[in-house]
């Protein structure tokens, strides 16, 4: 039974290390770019009041995406430590 547990933890560690972490990193980078792009558009278009709504939406959705992704990363780290006893 111990070998099954070791195999399961190895599979979980491999999935987290090889699939989940790079995916979260890529999505976080994309969310940061969206947030920064919204900020740049908001500042450049400060004289154009009609365009501010779309730029604010980019800022808001970028912040929400970053919060969700970083929270998800922290939750996975917590589960990693709780289940595997170590961080990958």
Protein backbone atom coordinates (compact mmCIF):
# COMPACT_ATOMS: atom_id res chain seq x y z
CA UNK A 1 0.00 0.00 0.00
CA UNK A 2 2.88 2.34 0.66
CA UNK A 3 4.07 2.06 -2.96
CA UNK A 4 0.64 3.12 -4.25
CA UNK A 5 0.76 6.18 -2.03
CA UNK A 6 4.24 7.03 -3.26
CA UNK A 7 3.12 6.58 -6.85
CA UNK A 8 0.06 8.79 -6.36
CA UNK A 9 2.11 11.52 -4.74
CA UNK A 10 4.64 11.27 -7.58
CA UNK A 11 1.86 11.67 -10.16
CA UNK A 12 0.35 14.63 -8.27
CA UNK A 13 3.77 16.27 -7.97
CA UNK A 14 4.42 15.73 -11.68
CA UNK A 15 1.07 17.21 -12.68
CA UNK A 16 1.54 20.23 -10.45
CA UNK A 17 5.17 20.79 -11.44
CA UNK A 18 4.88 20.12 -15.16
CA UNK A 19 1.37 21.27 -16.03
CA UNK A 20 -0.21 23.49 -13.43
CA UNK A 21 2.69 25.75 -12.44
CA UNK A 22 3.67 26.69 -16.03
CA UNK A 23 -0.01 27.24 -16.91
CA UNK A 24 -0.56 29.55 -13.93
CA UNK A 25 2.66 31.41 -14.76
CA UNK A 26 1.58 31.94 -18.38
CA UNK A 27 -1.93 33.05 -17.39
CA UNK A 28 -0.54 35.37 -14.70
CA UNK A 29 1.77 36.95 -17.25
CA UNK A 30 -1.17 37.44 -19.61
CA UNK A 31 -3.28 38.96 -16.82
CA UNK A 32 -0.44 41.33 -15.90
CA UNK A 33 -0.06 42.42 -19.52
CA UNK A 34 -3.82 43.05 -19.76
CA UNK A 35 -3.74 45.07 -16.55
CA UNK A 36 -0.76 47.14 -17.69
CA UNK A 37 -2.27 47.66 -21.14
CA UNK A 38 -5.50 48.90 -19.54
CA UNK A 39 -3.49 51.28 -17.35
CA UNK A 40 -1.55 52.65 -20.30
CA UNK A 41 -4.74 53.14 -22.33
CA UNK A 42 -6.44 54.77 -19.35
CA UNK A 43 -3.61 57.27 -18.87
CA UNK A 44 -3.15 58.01 -22.58
CA UNK A 45 -6.85 58.47 -23.15
CA UNK A 46 -7.43 60.63 -20.10
CA UNK A 47 -8.80 63.44 -22.26
CA UNK A 48 -11.26 61.07 -23.99
CA UNK A 49 -14.09 60.46 -21.51
CA UNK A 50 -15.94 57.98 -23.76
CA UNK A 51 -13.05 55.52 -23.86
CA UNK A 52 -12.51 55.44 -20.11
CA UNK A 53 -15.17 52.77 -19.53
CA UNK A 54 -13.42 50.14 -21.64
CA UNK A 55 -10.04 51.01 -20.15
CA UNK A 56 -11.41 50.75 -16.60
CA UNK A 57 -12.85 47.34 -17.51
CA UNK A 58 -9.40 46.16 -18.64
CA UNK A 59 -7.91 47.35 -15.35
CA UNK A 60 -10.64 45.71 -13.28
CA UNK A 61 -10.54 42.38 -15.14
CA UNK A 62 -6.74 42.35 -15.00
CA UNK A 63 -6.80 42.82 -11.22
CA UNK A 64 -9.49 40.16 -10.80
CA UNK A 65 -7.55 37.69 -12.94
CA UNK A 66 -4.32 38.33 -11.03
CA UNK A 67 -6.10 37.90 -7.69
CA UNK A 68 -7.74 34.64 -8.77
CA UNK A 69 -4.54 33.19 -10.23
CA UNK A 70 -2.37 34.10 -7.25
CA UNK A 71 -5.01 32.77 -4.86
CA UNK A 72 -5.23 29.56 -6.85
CA UNK A 73 -1.45 29.25 -6.79
CA UNK A 74 -1.43 29.70 -3.01
CA UNK A 75 -4.20 27.16 -2.58
CA UNK A 76 -2.34 24.61 -4.67
CA UNK A 77 0.83 25.27 -2.67
CA UNK A 78 -1.14 24.66 0.53
CA UNK A 79 -2.58 21.40 -0.83
CA UNK A 80 0.89 20.35 -2.01
CA UNK A 81 2.33 20.77 1.45
CA UNK A 82 -0.67 19.16 3.14
CA UNK A 83 -0.84 16.12 0.84
CA UNK A 84 2.73 15.62 -0.24
CA UNK A 85 4.49 17.01 2.79
CA UNK A 86 6.70 19.21 0.63
CA UNK A 87 6.44 21.89 -2.01
CA UNK A 88 7.26 20.95 -5.60
